[in-house]
Amino acid sequence: MDKPVNFRKGVYILPNLLTTASLFSGFLGLVWAVDGDFERSALAILVSALLDGLDGKVARLTKTASEFGVQLDSLADLAAFGVTPAFMLYLWQLKHYGTLGLMACFLFVACGALRLARFNVQSATSSKKFFTGLPIPAAGCTIATLVFFSGYVPPAYADTLLPKASLVLAYLLSFLMVSRVRYASFKEYGMIKAHPFGAMVSALLVFVLVASQPKLLGFILIMGYIISGIAYTYLILPRRHPKLLREAR
């Protein structure tokens, strides 16, 4: 008589396989950055972000979340959204700055590691509605979308503007990852449940807009997310809870 298949073990493996696929995509991005194919490297980072979002959703839906999966996810995130974007940015724009560019990229990786460590320690007690500090996947995707957005920069300004903007962005993203700025996590769906039709229409409009001009609107959309956290923390929160402004500093 054949032994019954342990379905739960198979489901337990699935989210970790997605995490490993995210890590593999990040590794491919690293290889393509070395080859000088920066657009494919940026695309690999975005694919990693998609897989990173799926593994958590699958783990929650199948109730197979585990401490092992959390730690594996953090290690994969550091490689895919820390090391790969920083290495790609250095080879693409910042190597001409020498030590300054090198340290900007290292700072990005180091702050990403600190961000992940803080998140793992505080995840049990922190709010589910907001992240404290810019999530490292968002930081990595910002650099990835910048590669595609660079095609819209006029050639006359590309050689001078892009390296400077990339250097400033690397330091800004590093600071935001370890800051107390609060970013929406989109993990709670109270607004969606309250207004399902409006949420569906809004999501459809965003999808259509980004799909129409992904290289242009992808970067603009993620920069909007970055600015929204700063505006919420320093403009909206102080009006609602003056004491929270001191915590955000």
Foldseek 3Di string as FASTA:
>chain_A
DDDDDPVLVVLLVVLVVLLVQLLVLLVVLQVVLVVVNNLSSLVSLVVSVVSLVVSVVSCVVSVNDDPVSLVSNLVSLLSSLQVSLLSSLCSPANVVVPPLSVVLSVLSSVLQNVLSVVCVVCVVPDDLFKRFFDHSSLLSNLSSLVVLQLVVPPPVCSNPPVNVVSSVSSNVNSCRSNFRQIATPPPDCPVCVVPVVVVVVVVVVVVVVCVVPVSNVVNVVSVVRVVVSVCCQQPVVCVVPVVSNVVRD
